């Protein structure tokens, strides 16, 4: 899915383990509860994305990208901590 446009997509509770979302447009997408463990999100646009309770463990993503998400409540971060 490299470079795919999933803007405004609703992908709640979907398993994207090892998925390649590099350079994808995920702006305003709903990824709440999604498993993105070990996925590649380098360069993906996460502005306004809902990552509530998503799993980002070992995900290739920058903290700058994460900072653009709309919600991170309960998200398992790349380092294994849970965002409050």
C-alpha atoms as a PDB file:
ATOM      1  CA  UNK A   1       0.000   0.000   0.000  1.00  0.00           C
ATOM      2  CA  UNK A   2       3.011   2.253  -0.354  1.00  0.00           C
ATOM      3  CA  UNK A   3       1.860   5.729  -1.362  1.00  0.00           C
ATOM      4  CA  UNK A   4      -1.843   4.753  -1.144  1.00  0.00           C
ATOM      5  CA  UNK A   5      -4.509   7.317  -0.329  1.00  0.00           C
ATOM      6  CA  UNK A   6      -6.708   6.233   2.556  1.00  0.00           C
ATOM      7  CA  UNK A   7      -7.775   9.726   3.544  1.00  0.00           C
ATOM      8  CA  UNK A   8     -10.939   9.634   5.716  1.00  0.00           C
ATOM      9  CA  UNK A   9     -10.961   5.793   5.640  1.00  0.00           C
ATOM     10  CA  UNK A  10     -12.521   3.920   8.549  1.00  0.00           C
ATOM     11  CA  UNK A  11     -10.175   1.034   9.363  1.00  0.00           C
ATOM     12  CA  UNK A  12     -11.057   0.367  12.997  1.00  0.00           C
ATOM     13  CA  UNK A  13      -9.676  -2.769  14.677  1.00  0.00           C
ATOM     14  CA  UNK A  14      -8.007  -3.973  11.459  1.00  0.00           C
ATOM     15  CA  UNK A  15      -4.810  -6.040  11.590  1.00  0.00           C
ATOM     16  CA  UNK A  16      -2.062  -4.285   9.634  1.00  0.00           C
ATOM     17  CA  UNK A  17       0.886  -6.156  11.158  1.00  0.00           C
ATOM     18  CA  UNK A  18       3.923  -5.711   8.865  1.00  0.00           C
ATOM     19  CA  UNK A  19       1.891  -3.548   6.403  1.00  0.00           C
ATOM     20  CA  UNK A  20       3.745  -1.000   4.273  1.00  0.00           C
ATOM     21  CA  UNK A  21       2.048   2.401   4.536  1.00  0.00           C
ATOM     22  CA  UNK A  22       5.182   4.353   3.655  1.00  0.00           C
ATOM     23  CA  UNK A  23       4.269   7.711   2.097  1.00  0.00           C
ATOM     24  CA  UNK A  24       0.545   6.860   2.332  1.00  0.00           C
ATOM     25  CA  UNK A  25      -2.104   9.535   2.866  1.00  0.00           C
ATOM     26  CA  UNK A  26      -3.880   8.527   6.086  1.00  0.00           C
ATOM     27  CA  UNK A  27      -5.086  12.050   6.862  1.00  0.00           C
ATOM     28  CA  UNK A  28      -8.227  12.018   9.044  1.00  0.00           C
ATOM     29  CA  UNK A  29      -8.438   8.194   8.866  1.00  0.00           C
ATOM     30  CA  UNK A  30      -9.939   6.228  11.761  1.00  0.00           C
ATOM     31  CA  UNK A  31      -7.366   3.631  12.822  1.00  0.00           C
ATOM     32  CA  UNK A  32      -8.676   3.295  16.373  1.00  0.00           C
ATOM     33  CA  UNK A  33      -7.868  -0.128  17.769  1.00  0.00           C
ATOM     34  CA  UNK A  34      -5.902  -1.084  14.649  1.00  0.00           C
ATOM     35  CA  UNK A  35      -2.882  -3.366  15.011  1.00  0.00           C
ATOM     36  CA  UNK A  36      -0.014  -1.621  13.208  1.00  0.00           C
ATOM     37  CA  UNK A  37       2.721  -3.632  14.932  1.00  0.00           C
ATOM     38  CA  UNK A  38       5.932  -3.642  12.879  1.00  0.00           C
ATOM     39  CA  UNK A  39       4.212  -1.712  10.066  1.00  0.00           C
ATOM     40  CA  UNK A  40       6.139   0.820   7.980  1.00  0.00           C
ATOM     41  CA  UNK A  41       4.577   4.282   8.331  1.00  0.00           C
ATOM     42  CA  UNK A  42       7.676   6.285   7.334  1.00  0.00           C
ATOM     43  CA  UNK A  43       6.559   9.403   5.471  1.00  0.00           C
ATOM     44  CA  UNK A  44       2.839   8.660   5.932  1.00  0.00           C
ATOM     45  CA  UNK A  45       0.552  11.667   6.507  1.00  0.00           C
ATOM     46  CA  UNK A  46      -1.138  11.084   9.878  1.00  0.00           C
ATOM     47  CA  UNK A  47      -2.631  14.556  10.327  1.00  0.00           C
ATOM     48  CA  UNK A  48      -5.947  14.210  12.154  1.00  0.00           C
ATOM     49  CA  UNK A  49      -5.743  10.407  12.252  1.00  0.00           C
ATOM     50  CA  UNK A  50      -7.497   8.679  15.164  1.00  0.00           C
ATOM     51  CA  UNK A  51      -5.029   6.235  16.715  1.00  0.00           C
ATOM     52  CA  UNK A  52      -7.018   5.629  19.922  1.00  0.00           C
ATOM     53  CA  UNK A  53      -5.978   2.246  21.368  1.00  0.00           C
ATOM     54  CA  UNK A  54      -3.965   1.395  18.244  1.00  0.00           C
ATOM     55  CA  UNK A  55      -0.898  -0.838  18.529  1.00  0.00           C
ATOM     56  CA  UNK A  56       2.244   0.870  17.221  1.00  0.00           C
ATOM     57  CA  UNK A  57       4.732  -1.523  18.844  1.00  0.00           C
ATOM     58  CA  UNK A  58       7.945  -1.674  16.795  1.00  0.00           C
ATOM     59  CA  UNK A  59       6.307   0.421  14.055  1.00  0.00           C
ATOM     60  CA  UNK A  60       8.564   2.433  11.731  1.00  0.00           C
ATOM     61  CA  UNK A  61       7.244   5.910  12.506  1.00  0.00           C
ATOM     62  CA  UNK A  62       8.636   9.191  13.800  1.00  0.00           C
ATOM     63  CA  UNK A  63       7.450  11.014  16.897  1.00  0.00           C
ATOM     64  CA  UNK A  64       6.844  14.031  14.655  1.00  0.00           C
ATOM     65  CA  UNK A  65       4.343  11.993  12.618  1.00  0.00           C
ATOM     66  CA  UNK A  66       2.668  10.748  15.794  1.00  0.00           C
ATOM     67  CA  UNK A  67       2.312  14.329  17.042  1.00  0.00           C
ATOM     68  CA  UNK A  68      -0.103  15.092  14.171  1.00  0.00           C
ATOM     69  CA  UNK A  69      -2.585  12.381  15.190  1.00  0.00           C
ATOM     70  CA  UNK A  70      -5.958  13.544  16.482  1.00  0.00           C
ATOM     71  CA  UNK A  71      -6.068  11.042  19.343  1.00  0.00           C
ATOM     72  CA  UNK A  72      -3.547   8.726  20.986  1.00  0.00           C
ATOM     73  CA  UNK A  73      -5.568   7.793  24.080  1.00  0.00           C
ATOM     74  CA  UNK A  74      -4.603   4.260  25.117  1.00  0.00           C
ATOM     75  CA  UNK A  75      -2.296   3.793  22.124  1.00  0.00           C
ATOM     76  CA  UNK A  76       0.583   1.350  22.566  1.00  0.00           C
ATOM     77  CA  UNK A  77       3.533   3.391  21.394  1.00  0.00           C
ATOM     78  CA  UNK A  78       6.513   2.039  19.365  1.00  0.00           C
ATOM     79  CA  UNK A  79       8.562   1.596  22.544  1.00  0.00           C
ATOM     80  CA  UNK A  80       5.789  -0.389  24.302  1.00  0.00           C
ATOM     81  CA  UNK A  81       4.548   2.385  26.598  1.00  0.00           C
ATOM     82  CA  UNK A  82       0.836   3.195  26.679  1.00  0.00           C
ATOM     83  CA  UNK A  83      -0.142   6.783  25.882  1.00  0.00           C
ATOM     84  CA  UNK A  84      -2.525   8.314  28.433  1.00  0.00           C
END
